[in-house]
PDB file of all heavy atoms in Angstrom:
ATOM      1  N   PRO A   1     -48.156-252.680 -49.069  1.00  0.00           N
ATOM      2  CA  PRO A   1     -48.225-252.461 -47.579  1.00  0.00           C
ATOM      3  C   PRO A   1     -47.180-251.508 -47.018  1.00  0.00           C
ATOM      4  O   PRO A   1     -47.476-250.636 -46.150  1.00  0.00           O
ATOM      5  CB  PRO A   1     -48.228-253.842 -46.953  1.00  0.00           C
ATOM      6  CG  PRO A   1     -48.724-254.742 -48.109  1.00  0.00           C
ATOM      7  CD  PRO A   1     -48.224-254.136 -49.303  1.00  0.00           C
ATOM      8  N   GLU A   2     -45.916-251.808 -47.474  1.00  0.00           N
ATOM      9  CA  GLU A   2     -44.902-250.922 -46.986  1.00  0.00           C
ATOM     10  C   GLU A   2     -44.901-249.446 -47.522  1.00  0.00           C
ATOM     11  O   GLU A   2     -44.616-248.524 -46.776  1.00  0.00           O
ATOM     12  CB  GLU A   2     -43.547-251.578 -47.451  1.00  0.00           C
ATOM     13  CG  GLU A   2     -42.360-250.815 -46.839  1.00  0.00           C
ATOM     14  CD  GLU A   2     -40.965-251.558 -47.147  1.00  0.00           C
ATOM     15  OE1 GLU A   2     -41.013-252.643 -47.829  1.00  0.00           O
ATOM     16  OE2 GLU A   2     -39.856-251.043 -46.829  1.00  0.00           O
ATOM     17  N   LEU A   3     -45.383-249.302 -48.719  1.00  0.00           N
ATOM     18  CA  LEU A   3     -45.600-247.951 -49.281  1.00  0.00           C
ATOM     19  C   LEU A   3     -46.748-247.173 -48.501  1.00  0.00           C
ATOM     20  O   LEU A   3     -46.670-246.013 -48.258  1.00  0.00           O
ATOM     21  CB  LEU A   3     -45.968-247.975 -50.709  1.00  0.00           C
ATOM     22  CG  LEU A   3     -44.879-248.528 -51.640  1.00  0.00           C
ATOM     23  CD1 LEU A   3     -45.434-248.616 -53.059  1.00  0.00           C
ATOM     24  CD2 LEU A   3     -43.744-247.437 -51.685  1.00  0.00           C
ATOM     25  N   LEU A   4     -47.721-247.978 -48.112  1.00  0.00           N
ATOM     26  CA  LEU A   4     -48.938-247.455 -47.418  1.00  0.00           C
ATOM     27  C   LEU A   4     -48.495-246.830 -46.018  1.00  0.00           C
ATOM     28  O   LEU A   4     -49.263-246.020 -45.471  1.00  0.00           O
ATOM     29  CB  LEU A   4     -50.035-248.337 -47.257  1.00  0.00           C
ATOM     30  CG  LEU A   4     -50.817-248.778 -48.505  1.00  0.00           C
ATOM     31  CD1 LEU A   4     -51.757-249.866 -48.256  1.00  0.00           C
ATOM     32  CD2 LEU A   4     -51.429-247.458 -49.188  1.00  0.00           C
ATOM     33  N   THR A   5     -47.462-247.251 -45.440  1.00  0.00           N
ATOM     34  CA  THR A   5     -46.912-246.794 -44.153  1.00  0.00           C
ATOM     35  C   THR A   5     -46.724-245.294 -44.219  1.00  0.00           C
ATOM     36  O   THR A   5     -46.712-244.561 -43.236  1.00  0.00           O
ATOM     37  CB  THR A   5     -45.812-247.412 -43.632  1.00  0.00           C
ATOM     38  OG1 THR A   5     -44.730-247.424 -44.541  1.00  0.00           O
ATOM     39  CG2 THR A   5     -46.096-248.959 -43.408  1.00  0.00           C
ATOM     40  N   LYS A   6     -46.307-244.791 -45.439  1.00  0.00           N
ATOM     41  CA  LYS A   6     -45.998-243.406 -45.635  1.00  0.00           C
ATOM     42  C   LYS A   6     -47.128-242.539 -46.267  1.00  0.00           C
ATOM     43  O   LYS A   6     -47.044-241.314 -46.422  1.00  0.00           O
ATOM     44  CB  LYS A   6     -44.754-243.225 -46.559  1.00  0.00           C
ATOM     45  CG  LYS A   6     -43.496-243.954 -46.060  1.00  0.00           C
ATOM     46  CD  LYS A   6     -43.091-243.363 -44.727  1.00  0.00           C
ATOM     47  CE  LYS A   6     -41.880-244.040 -44.186  1.00  0.00           C
ATOM     48  NZ  LYS A   6     -41.403-243.430 -42.850  1.00  0.00           N
ATOM     49  N   LEU A   7     -48.215-243.184 -46.422  1.00  0.00           N
ATOM     50  CA  LEU A   7     -49.403-242.493 -47.047  1.00  0.00           C
ATOM     51  C   LEU A   7     -49.964-241.421 -46.079  1.00  0.00           C
ATOM     52  O   LEU A   7     -50.311-240.271 -46.617  1.00  0.00           O
ATOM     53  CB  LEU A   7     -50.532-243.481 -47.422  1.00  0.00           C
ATOM     54  CG  LEU A   7     -51.809-242.856 -47.980  1.00  0.00           C
ATOM     55  CD1 LEU A   7     -51.509-242.160 -49.340  1.00  0.00           C
ATOM     56  CD2 LEU A   7     -52.789-243.937 -48.278  1.00  0.00           C
ATOM     57  N   PRO A   8     -50.010-241.635 -44.819  1.00  0.00           N
ATOM     58  CA  PRO A   8     -50.456-240.477 -43.872  1.00  0.00           C
ATOM     59  C   PRO A   8     -49.540-239.243 -44.064  1.00  0.00           C
ATOM     60  O   PRO A   8     -50.116-238.109 -43.934  1.00  0.00           O
ATOM     61  CB  PRO A   8     -50.233-241.133 -42.534  1.00  0.00           C
ATOM     62  CG  PRO A   8     -50.427-242.512 -42.686  1.00  0.00           C
ATOM     63  CD  PRO A   8     -49.744-242.844 -43.978  1.00  0.00           C
ATOM     64  N   ILE A   9     -48.234-239.359 -44.213  1.00  0.00           N
ATOM     65  CA  ILE A   9     -47.308-238.178 -44.529  1.00  0.00           C
ATOM     66  C   ILE A   9     -47.840-237.515 -45.877  1.00  0.00           C
ATOM     67  O   ILE A   9     -47.928-236.240 -45.845  1.00  0.00           O
ATOM     68  CB  ILE A   9     -45.921-238.556 -44.467  1.00  0.00           C
ATOM     69  CG1 ILE A   9     -45.468-239.248 -43.162  1.00  0.00           C
ATOM     70  CG2 ILE A   9     -45.002-237.396 -44.934  1.00  0.00           C
ATOM     71  CD1 ILE A   9     -44.105-239.827 -43.195  1.00  0.00           C
ATOM     72  N   THR A  10     -48.089-238.243 -46.830  1.00  0.00           N
ATOM     73  CA  THR A  10     -48.511-237.657 -48.100  1.00  0.00           C
ATOM     74  C   THR A  10     -49.910-236.963 -47.954  1.00  0.00           C
ATOM     75  O   THR A  10     -49.948-235.765 -48.452  1.00  0.00           O
ATOM     76  CB  THR A  10     -48.675-238.756 -49.109  1.00  0.00           C
ATOM     77  OG1 THR A  10     -47.386-239.408 -49.465  1.00  0.00           O
ATOM     78  CG2 THR A  10     -49.267-238.218 -50.473  1.00  0.00           C
ATOM     79  N   LEU A  11     -50.790-237.518 -47.216  1.00  0.00           N
ATOM     80  CA  LEU A  11     -52.103-236.924 -47.103  1.00  0.00           C
ATOM     81  C   LEU A  11     -52.004-235.618 -46.144  1.00  0.00           C
ATOM     82  O   LEU A  11     -52.705-234.573 -46.409  1.00  0.00           O
ATOM     83  CB  LEU A  11     -53.100-237.884 -46.526  1.00  0.00           C
ATOM     84  CG  LEU A  11     -53.470-239.067 -47.457  1.00  0.00           C
ATOM     85  CD1 LEU A  11     -54.389-240.045 -46.680  1.00  0.00           C
ATOM     86  CD2 LEU A  11     -54.080-238.564 -48.766  1.00  0.00           C
ATOM     87  N   GLU A  12     -51.220-235.702 -45.111  1.00  0.00           N
ATOM     88  CA  GLU A  12     -51.038-234.612 -44.226  1.00  0.00           C
ATOM     89  C   GLU A  12     -50.489-233.414 -44.968  1.00  0.00           C
ATOM     90  O   GLU A  12     -50.952-232.369 -44.773  1.00  0.00           O
ATOM     91  CB  GLU A  12     -50.096-235.045 -43.018  1.00  0.00           C
ATOM     92  CG  GLU A  12     -49.953-233.914 -42.028  1.00  0.00           C
ATOM     93  CD  GLU A  12     -49.043-234.297 -40.882  1.00  0.00           C
ATOM     94  OE1 GLU A  12     -48.524-235.506 -40.822  1.00  0.00           O
ATOM     95  OE2 GLU A  12     -48.744-233.563 -40.053  1.00  0.00           O
ATOM     96  N   LEU A  13     -49.348-233.748 -45.731  1.00  0.00           N
ATOM     97  CA  LEU A  13     -48.678-232.686 -46.458  1.00  0.00           C
ATOM     98  C   LEU A  13     -49.715-232.011 -47.514  1.00  0.00           C
ATOM     99  O   LEU A  13     -49.772-230.917 -47.643  1.00  0.00           O
ATOM    100  CB  LEU A  13     -47.461-233.269 -47.214  1.00  0.00           C
ATOM    101  CG  LEU A  13     -46.665-232.279 -48.073  1.00  0.00           C
ATOM    102  CD1 LEU A  13     -46.158-231.171 -47.231  1.00  0.00           C
ATOM    103  CD2 LEU A  13     -45.575-233.027 -48.754  1.00  0.00           C
ATOM    104  N   ALA A  14     -50.444-232.838 -48.138  1.00  0.00           N
ATOM    105  CA  ALA A  14     -51.514-232.392 -49.079  1.00  0.00           C
ATOM    106  C   ALA A  14     -52.614-231.449 -48.445  1.00  0.00           C
ATOM    107  O   ALA A  14     -52.913-230.501 -48.972  1.00  0.00           O
ATOM    108  CB  ALA A  14     -52.126-233.489 -49.838  1.00  0.00           C
ATOM    109  N   VAL A  15     -53.051-231.870 -47.264  1.00  0.00           N
ATOM    110  CA  VAL A  15     -54.138-231.203 -46.530  1.00  0.00           C
ATOM    111  C   VAL A  15     -53.715-229.863 -46.094  1.00  0.00           C
ATOM    112  O   VAL A  15     -54.360-228.736 -46.270  1.00  0.00           O
ATOM    113  CB  VAL A  15     -54.692-232.061 -45.455  1.00  0.00           C
ATOM    114  CG1 VAL A  15     -55.562-231.160 -44.531  1.00  0.00           C
ATOM    115  CG2 VAL A  15     -55.447-233.205 -45.986  1.00  0.00           C
ATOM    116  N   VAL A  16     -52.434-229.900 -45.435  1.00  0.00           N
ATOM    117  CA  VAL A  16     -51.920-228.633 -44.888  1.00  0.00           C
ATOM    118  C   VAL A  16     -51.540-227.673 -46.047  1.00  0.00           C
ATOM    119  O   VAL A  16     -51.853-226.406 -45.970  1.00  0.00           O
ATOM    120  CB  VAL A  16     -50.637-228.828 -44.078  1.00  0.00           C
ATOM    121  CG1 VAL A  16     -49.926-227.532 -43.688  1.00  0.00           C
ATOM    122  CG2 VAL A  16     -50.980-229.718 -42.808  1.00  0.00           C
ATOM    123  N   SER A  17     -51.034-228.161 -47.103  1.00  0.00           N
ATOM    124  CA  SER A  17     -50.747-227.283 -48.309  1.00  0.00           C
ATOM    125  C   SER A  17     -51.969-226.732 -48.906  1.00  0.00           C
ATOM    126  O   SER A  17     -51.958-225.592 -49.364  1.00  0.00           O
ATOM    127  CB  SER A  17     -49.911-228.040 -49.328  1.00  0.00           C
ATOM    128  OG  SER A  17     -48.687-228.596 -48.790  1.00  0.00           O
ATOM    129  N   MET A  18     -53.054-227.549 -48.942  1.00  0.00           N
ATOM    130  CA  MET A  18     -54.310-227.077 -49.492  1.00  0.00           C
ATOM    131  C   MET A  18     -54.894-225.966 -48.644  1.00  0.00           C
ATOM    132  O   MET A  18     -55.438-224.938 -49.211  1.00  0.00           O
ATOM    133  CB  MET A  18     -55.253-228.251 -49.563  1.00  0.00           C
ATOM    134  CG  MET A  18     -56.627-227.869 -50.156  1.00  0.00           C
ATOM    135  SD  MET A  18     -56.502-227.653 -51.931  1.00  0.00           S
ATOM    136  CE  MET A  18     -58.323-227.502 -52.400  1.00  0.00           C
ATOM    137  N   LEU A  19     -54.770-226.125 -47.279  1.00  0.00           N
ATOM    138  CA  LEU A  19     -55.339-225.028 -46.432  1.00  0.00           C
ATOM    139  C   LEU A  19     -54.529-223.730 -46.599  1.00  0.00           C
ATOM    140  O   LEU A  19     -55.097-222.588 -46.582  1.00  0.00           O
ATOM    141  CB  LEU A  19     -55.287-225.518 -44.983  1.00  0.00           C
ATOM    142  CG  LEU A  19     -56.203-226.712 -44.688  1.00  0.00           C
ATOM    143  CD1 LEU A  19     -56.030-227.208 -43.211  1.00  0.00           C
ATOM    144  CD2 LEU A  19     -57.726-226.299 -44.836  1.00  0.00           C
ATOM    145  N   ILE A  20     -53.181-223.893 -46.700  1.00  0.00           N
ATOM    146  CA  ILE A  20     -52.444-222.596 -46.881  1.00  0.00           C
ATOM    147  C   ILE A  20     -52.772-222.050 -48.232  1.00  0.00           C
ATOM    148  O   ILE A  20     -52.893-220.814 -48.365  1.00  0.00           O
ATOM    149  CB  ILE A  20     -50.790-223.067 -46.813  1.00  0.00           C
ATOM    150  CG1 ILE A  20     -50.440-223.565 -45.467  1.00  0.00           C
ATOM    151  CG2 ILE A  20     -50.015-221.852 -47.345  1.00  0.00           C
ATOM    152  CD1 ILE A  20     -49.051-223.970 -45.424  1.00  0.00           C
ATOM    153  N   GLY A  21     -52.878-222.791 -49.263  1.00  0.00           N
ATOM    154  CA  GLY A  21     -53.280-222.245 -50.516  1.00  0.00           C
ATOM    155  C   GLY A  21     -54.600-221.562 -50.531  1.00  0.00           C
ATOM    156  O   GLY A  21     -54.811-220.557 -51.141  1.00  0.00           O
ATOM    157  N   LEU A  22     -55.588-222.222 -49.836  1.00  0.00           N
ATOM    158  CA  LEU A  22     -56.921-221.583 -49.801  1.00  0.00           C
ATOM    159  C   LEU A  22     -56.914-220.331 -49.012  1.00  0.00           C
ATOM    160  O   LEU A  22     -57.502-219.239 -49.380  1.00  0.00           O
ATOM    161  CB  LEU A  22     -57.885-222.551 -49.065  1.00  0.00           C
ATOM    162  CG  LEU A  22     -58.470-223.707 -49.904  1.00  0.00           C
ATOM    163  CD1 LEU A  22     -59.174-224.735 -49.027  1.00  0.00           C
ATOM    164  CD2 LEU A  22     -59.363-223.163 -50.980  1.00  0.00           C
ATOM    165  N   GLY A  23     -56.173-220.273 -47.927  1.00  0.00           N
ATOM    166  CA  GLY A  23     -56.122-218.968 -47.108  1.00  0.00           C
ATOM    167  C   GLY A  23     -55.362-217.895 -47.840  1.00  0.00           C
ATOM    168  O   GLY A  23     -55.999-216.765 -48.003  1.00  0.00           O
ATOM    169  N   LEU A  24     -54.292-218.169 -48.414  1.00  0.00           N
ATOM    170  CA  LEU A  24     -53.548-217.079 -49.165  1.00  0.00           C
ATOM    171  C   LEU A  24     -54.269-216.771 -50.500  1.00  0.00           C
ATOM    172  O   LEU A  24     -54.337-215.635 -50.862  1.00  0.00           O
ATOM    173  CB  LEU A  24     -52.171-217.519 -49.520  1.00  0.00           C
ATOM    174  CG  LEU A  24     -51.234-217.701 -48.354  1.00  0.00           C
ATOM    175  CD1 LEU A  24     -49.851-218.282 -48.821  1.00  0.00           C
ATOM    176  CD2 LEU A  24     -51.008-216.413 -47.640  1.00  0.00           C
ATOM    177  N   GLY A  25     -54.928-217.755 -51.122  1.00  0.00           N
ATOM    178  CA  GLY A  25     -55.654-217.499 -52.378  1.00  0.00           C
ATOM    179  C   GLY A  25     -56.864-216.597 -52.123  1.00  0.00           C
ATOM    180  O   GLY A  25     -57.192-215.769 -52.954  1.00  0.00           O
ATOM    181  N   LEU A  26     -57.526-216.878 -50.994  1.00  0.00           N
ATOM    182  CA  LEU A  26     -58.727-216.039 -50.710  1.00  0.00           C
ATOM    183  C   LEU A  26     -58.342-214.500 -50.415  1.00  0.00           C
ATOM    184  O   LEU A  26     -58.939-213.710 -50.984  1.00  0.00           O
ATOM    185  CB  LEU A  26     -59.430-216.538 -49.393  1.00  0.00           C
ATOM    186  CG  LEU A  26     -60.600-215.739 -48.921  1.00  0.00           C
ATOM    187  CD1 LEU A  26     -61.664-215.698 -49.931  1.00  0.00           C
ATOM    188  CD2 LEU A  26     -61.158-216.439 -47.531  1.00  0.00           C
ATOM    189  N   VAL A  27     -57.211-214.397 -49.694  1.00  0.00           N
ATOM    190  CA  VAL A  27     -56.757-213.018 -49.446  1.00  0.00           C
ATOM    191  C   VAL A  27     -56.409-212.259 -50.759  1.00  0.00           C
ATOM    192  O   VAL A  27     -56.732-211.242 -51.059  1.00  0.00           O
ATOM    193  CB  VAL A  27     -55.498-213.117 -48.516  1.00  0.00           C
ATOM    194  CG1 VAL A  27     -54.902-211.644 -48.402  1.00  0.00           C
ATOM    195  CG2 VAL A  27     -55.833-213.546 -47.097  1.00  0.00           C
ATOM    196  N   MET A  28     -55.542-213.064 -51.721  1.00  0.00           N
ATOM    197  CA  MET A  28     -55.189-212.491 -52.888  1.00  0.00           C
ATOM    198  C   MET A  28     -56.403-212.188 -53.863  1.00  0.00           C
ATOM    199  O   MET A  28     -56.484-211.165 -54.600  1.00  0.00           O
ATOM    200  CB  MET A  28     -54.144-213.416 -53.622  1.00  0.00           C
ATOM    201  CG  MET A  28     -52.847-213.400 -52.857  1.00  0.00           C
ATOM    202  SD  MET A  28     -51.471-214.258 -53.885  1.00  0.00           S
ATOM    203  CE  MET A  28     -52.050-215.918 -53.726  1.00  0.00           C
ATOM    204  N   ALA A  29     -57.415-213.114 -53.800  1.00  0.00           N
ATOM    205  CA  ALA A  29     -58.604-212.913 -54.577  1.00  0.00           C
ATOM    206  C   ALA A  29     -59.403-211.658 -54.237  1.00  0.00           C
ATOM    207  O   ALA A  29     -59.773-210.861 -55.057  1.00  0.00           O
ATOM    208  CB  ALA A  29     -59.510-214.122 -54.537  1.00  0.00           C
ATOM    209  N   ILE A  30     -59.480-211.432 -52.886  1.00  0.00           N
ATOM    210  CA  ILE A  30     -60.209-210.295 -52.366  1.00  0.00           C
ATOM    211  C   ILE A  30     -59.449-209.026 -52.785  1.00  0.00           C
ATOM    212  O   ILE A  30     -59.961-207.994 -53.090  1.00  0.00           O
ATOM    213  CB  ILE A  30     -60.365-210.416 -50.957  1.00  0.00           C
ATOM    214  CG1 ILE A  30     -61.311-211.568 -50.517  1.00  0.00           C
ATOM    215  CG2 ILE A  30     -60.918-209.118 -50.359  1.00  0.00           C
ATOM    216  CD1 ILE A  30     -61.539-211.841 -49.121  1.00  0.00           C
ATOM    217  N   ILE A  31     -58.042-209.050 -52.670  1.00  0.00           N
ATOM    218  CA  ILE A  31     -57.312-207.862 -52.996  1.00  0.00           C
ATOM    219  C   ILE A  31     -57.486-207.499 -54.510  1.00  0.00           C
ATOM    220  O   ILE A  31     -57.688-206.303 -54.815  1.00  0.00           O
ATOM    221  CB  ILE A  31     -55.776-208.194 -52.764  1.00  0.00           C
ATOM    222  CG1 ILE A  31     -55.590-208.228 -51.184  1.00  0.00           C
ATOM    223  CG2 ILE A  31     -54.922-207.126 -53.432  1.00  0.00           C
ATOM    224  CD1 ILE A  31     -54.054-208.604 -50.869  1.00  0.00           C
ATOM    225  N   LYS A  32     -57.450-208.536 -55.282  1.00  0.00           N
ATOM    226  CA  LYS A  32     -57.767-208.365 -56.740  1.00  0.00           C
ATOM    227  C   LYS A  32     -59.118-207.751 -57.056  1.00  0.00           C
ATOM    228  O   LYS A  32     -59.261-206.857 -57.862  1.00  0.00           O
ATOM    229  CB  LYS A  32     -57.437-209.561 -57.537  1.00  0.00           C
ATOM    230  CG  LYS A  32     -55.984-210.014 -57.628  1.00  0.00           C
ATOM    231  CD  LYS A  32     -55.712-211.138 -58.601  1.00  0.00           C
ATOM    232  CE  LYS A  32     -55.924-210.523 -60.015  1.00  0.00           C
ATOM    233  NZ  LYS A  32     -55.541-211.462 -61.114  1.00  0.00           N
ATOM    234  N   MET A  33     -60.075-208.265 -56.309  1.00  0.00           N
ATOM    235  CA  MET A  33     -61.471-207.807 -56.519  1.00  0.00           C
ATOM    236  C   MET A  33     -61.671-206.387 -56.076  1.00  0.00           C
ATOM    237  O   MET A  33     -62.416-205.572 -56.691  1.00  0.00           O
ATOM    238  CB  MET A  33     -62.551-208.724 -55.844  1.00  0.00           C
ATOM    239  CG  MET A  33     -62.566-210.176 -56.544  1.00  0.00           C
ATOM    240  SD  MET A  33     -63.780-211.244 -55.692  1.00  0.00           S
ATOM    241  CE  MET A  33     -65.383-210.489 -55.881  1.00  0.00           C
ATOM    242  N   LYS A  34     -61.044-206.015 -54.906  1.00  0.00           N
ATOM    243  CA  LYS A  34     -61.158-204.720 -54.360  1.00  0.00           C
ATOM    244  C   LYS A  34     -60.246-203.745 -55.057  1.00  0.00           C
ATOM    245  O   LYS A  34     -60.418-202.424 -54.956  1.00  0.00           O
ATOM    246  CB  LYS A  34     -60.804-204.773 -52.836  1.00  0.00           C
ATOM    247  CG  LYS A  34     -61.812-205.384 -51.951  1.00  0.00           C
ATOM    248  CD  LYS A  34     -63.049-204.636 -51.938  1.00  0.00           C
ATOM    249  CE  LYS A  34     -64.140-205.296 -50.979  1.00  0.00           C
ATOM    250  NZ  LYS A  34     -65.463-204.412 -50.914  1.00  0.00           N
ATOM    251  N   LYS A  35     -59.333-204.229 -55.916  1.00  0.00           N
ATOM    252  CA  LYS A  35     -58.531-203.372 -56.782  1.00  0.00           C
ATOM    253  C   LYS A  35     -57.665-202.348 -55.853  1.00  0.00           C
ATOM    254  O   LYS A  35     -57.660-201.223 -56.154  1.00  0.00           O
ATOM    255  CB  LYS A  35     -59.280-202.652 -57.796  1.00  0.00           C
ATOM    256  CG  LYS A  35     -59.824-203.596 -58.839  1.00  0.00           C
ATOM    257  CD  LYS A  35     -60.675-202.891 -59.943  1.00  0.00           C
ATOM    258  CE  LYS A  35     -61.274-203.801 -60.885  1.00  0.00           C
ATOM    259  NZ  LYS A  35     -62.188-203.243 -61.956  1.00  0.00           N
ATOM    260  N   ILE A  36     -57.108-202.884 -54.824  1.00  0.00           N
ATOM    261  CA  ILE A  36     -56.312-202.024 -53.966  1.00  0.00           C
ATOM    262  C   ILE A  36     -54.935-201.824 -54.694  1.00  0.00           C
ATOM    263  O   ILE A  36     -54.245-202.810 -55.048  1.00  0.00           O
ATOM    264  CB  ILE A  36     -56.034-202.736 -52.552  1.00  0.00           C
ATOM    265  CG1 ILE A  36     -57.289-203.095 -51.896  1.00  0.00           C
ATOM    266  CG2 ILE A  36     -55.218-201.883 -51.702  1.00  0.00           C
ATOM    267  CD1 ILE A  36     -57.229-203.933 -50.675  1.00  0.00           C
ATOM    268  N   ARG A  37     -54.647-200.572 -54.965  1.00  0.00           N
ATOM    269  CA  ARG A  37     -53.600-200.133 -55.951  1.00  0.00           C
ATOM    270  C   ARG A  37     -52.385-200.982 -55.725  1.00  0.00           C
ATOM    271  O   ARG A  37     -51.999-201.746 -56.685  1.00  0.00           O
ATOM    272  CB  ARG A  37     -53.449-198.642 -55.953  1.00  0.00           C
ATOM    273  CG  ARG A  37     -52.529-198.142 -57.010  1.00  0.00           C
ATOM    274  CD  ARG A  37     -52.400-196.624 -57.002  1.00  0.00           C
ATOM    275  NE  ARG A  37     -53.677-195.994 -57.086  1.00  0.00           N
ATOM    276  CZ  ARG A  37     -53.914-194.695 -57.084  1.00  0.00           C
ATOM    277  NH1 ARG A  37     -52.912-193.878 -56.751  1.00  0.00           N
ATOM    278  NH2 ARG A  37     -55.149-194.221 -57.116  1.00  0.00           N
ATOM    279  N   VAL A  38     -51.559-200.686 -54.781  1.00  0.00           N
ATOM    280  CA  VAL A  38     -50.192-201.273 -54.595  1.00  0.00           C
ATOM    281  C   VAL A  38     -50.391-202.703 -54.448  1.00  0.00           C
ATOM    282  O   VAL A  38     -49.556-203.541 -54.983  1.00  0.00           O
ATOM    283  CB  VAL A  38     -49.435-200.508 -53.486  1.00  0.00           C
ATOM    284  CG1 VAL A  38     -48.084-201.199 -53.261  1.00  0.00           C
ATOM    285  CG2 VAL A  38     -49.323-199.071 -53.829  1.00  0.00           C
ATOM    286  N   LEU A  39     -51.199-203.129 -53.569  1.00  0.00           N
ATOM    287  CA  LEU A  39     -51.355-204.607 -53.243  1.00  0.00           C
ATOM    288  C   LEU A  39     -51.736-205.479 -54.435  1.00  0.00           C
ATOM    289  O   LEU A  39     -51.320-206.587 -54.556  1.00  0.00           O
ATOM    290  CB  LEU A  39     -52.331-204.786 -51.972  1.00  0.00           C
ATOM    291  CG  LEU A  39     -51.948-204.239 -50.678  1.00  0.00           C
ATOM    292  CD1 LEU A  39     -53.057-204.472 -49.611  1.00  0.00           C
ATOM    293  CD2 LEU A  39     -50.559-204.912 -50.176  1.00  0.00           C
ATOM    294  N   THR A  40     -52.589-204.825 -55.212  1.00  0.00           N
ATOM    295  CA  THR A  40     -53.068-205.498 -56.444  1.00  0.00           C
ATOM    296  C   THR A  40     -51.809-205.843 -57.362  1.00  0.00           C
ATOM    297  O   THR A  40     -51.693-206.979 -57.922  1.00  0.00           O
ATOM    298  CB  THR A  40     -54.193-204.761 -57.233  1.00  0.00           C
ATOM    299  OG1 THR A  40     -55.289-204.580 -56.415  1.00  0.00           O
ATOM    300  CG2 THR A  40     -54.631-205.432 -58.498  1.00  0.00           C
ATOM    301  N   GLN A  41     -50.920-204.858 -57.535  1.00  0.00           N
ATOM    302  CA  GLN A  41     -49.859-205.019 -58.396  1.00  0.00           C
ATOM    303  C   GLN A  41     -48.876-206.122 -57.815  1.00  0.00           C
ATOM    304  O   GLN A  41     -48.404-206.922 -58.471  1.00  0.00           O
ATOM    305  CB  GLN A  41     -49.083-203.723 -58.548  1.00  0.00           C
ATOM    306  CG  GLN A  41     -49.906-202.679 -59.272  1.00  0.00           C
ATOM    307  CD  GLN A  41     -49.193-201.266 -59.322  1.00  0.00           C
ATOM    308  OE1 GLN A  41     -48.149-201.066 -58.547  1.00  0.00           O
ATOM    309  NE2 GLN A  41     -49.722-200.420 -60.072  1.00  0.00           N
ATOM    310  N   ILE A  42     -48.620-206.083 -56.465  1.00  0.00           N
ATOM    311  CA  ILE A  42     -47.842-207.085 -55.925  1.00  0.00           C
ATOM    312  C   ILE A  42     -48.442-208.498 -56.011  1.00  0.00           C
ATOM    313  O   ILE A  42     -47.792-209.424 -56.234  1.00  0.00           O
ATOM    314  CB  ILE A  42     -47.629-206.746 -54.315  1.00  0.00           C
ATOM    315  CG1 ILE A  42     -46.853-205.328 -54.263  1.00  0.00           C
ATOM    316  CG2 ILE A  42     -46.873-207.896 -53.576  1.00  0.00           C
ATOM    317  CD1 ILE A  42     -46.693-204.854 -52.819  1.00  0.00           C
ATOM    318  N   THR A  43     -49.798-208.532 -55.786  1.00  0.00           N
ATOM    319  CA  THR A  43     -50.526-209.803 -55.995  1.00  0.00           C
ATOM    320  C   THR A  43     -50.427-210.376 -57.290  1.00  0.00           C
ATOM    321  O   THR A  43     -50.137-211.546 -57.455  1.00  0.00           O
ATOM    322  CB  THR A  43     -51.982-209.617 -55.520  1.00  0.00           C
ATOM    323  OG1 THR A  43     -51.985-209.104 -54.200  1.00  0.00           O
ATOM    324  CG2 THR A  43     -52.814-210.956 -55.594  1.00  0.00           C
ATOM    325  N   ASN A  44     -50.595-209.461 -58.344  1.00  0.00           N
ATOM    326  CA  ASN A  44     -50.476-210.103 -59.696  1.00  0.00           C
ATOM    327  C   ASN A  44     -49.082-210.504 -59.989  1.00  0.00           C
ATOM    328  O   ASN A  44     -48.971-211.638 -60.682  1.00  0.00           O
ATOM    329  CB  ASN A  44     -50.769-208.836 -60.646  1.00  0.00           C
ATOM    330  CG  ASN A  44     -52.250-208.535 -60.711  1.00  0.00           C
ATOM    331  OD1 ASN A  44     -53.141-209.362 -60.397  1.00  0.00           O
ATOM    332  ND2 ASN A  44     -52.700-207.358 -61.035  1.00  0.00           N
ATOM    333  N   LEU A  45     -48.028-209.888 -59.586  1.00  0.00           N
ATOM    334  CA  LEU A  45     -46.672-210.295 -59.789  1.00  0.00           C
ATOM    335  C   LEU A  45     -46.468-211.643 -58.953  1.00  0.00           C
ATOM    336  O   LEU A  45     -45.846-212.571 -59.613  1.00  0.00           O
ATOM    337  CB  LEU A  45     -45.676-209.225 -59.176  1.00  0.00           C
ATOM    338  CG  LEU A  45     -44.183-209.652 -59.322  1.00  0.00           C
ATOM    339  CD1 LEU A  45     -43.743-209.823 -60.746  1.00  0.00           C
ATOM    340  CD2 LEU A  45     -43.371-208.540 -58.642  1.00  0.00           C
ATOM    341  N   LEU A  46     -46.982-211.885 -57.810  1.00  0.00           N
ATOM    342  CA  LEU A  46     -46.717-213.059 -57.065  1.00  0.00           C
ATOM    343  C   LEU A  46     -47.478-214.111 -57.743  1.00  0.00           C
ATOM    344  O   LEU A  46     -46.916-215.316 -57.760  1.00  0.00           O
ATOM    345  CB  LEU A  46     -47.255-212.805 -55.638  1.00  0.00           C
ATOM    346  CG  LEU A  46     -47.125-213.988 -54.658  1.00  0.00           C
ATOM    347  CD1 LEU A  46     -45.708-214.327 -54.506  1.00  0.00           C
ATOM    348  CD2 LEU A  46     -47.727-213.777 -53.309  1.00  0.00           C
TER     349      LEU A  46
END
């Protein structure tokens, strides 16, 4: 029960991080598919 009091923080952190990952991942995936020269190299390195 005492551990569960902090579960909302864990879930909130996971959901927000997932949304950030999805947004940035979608942008990087489109850059790689479009093969934009400079941006593709930066994306691959990142």
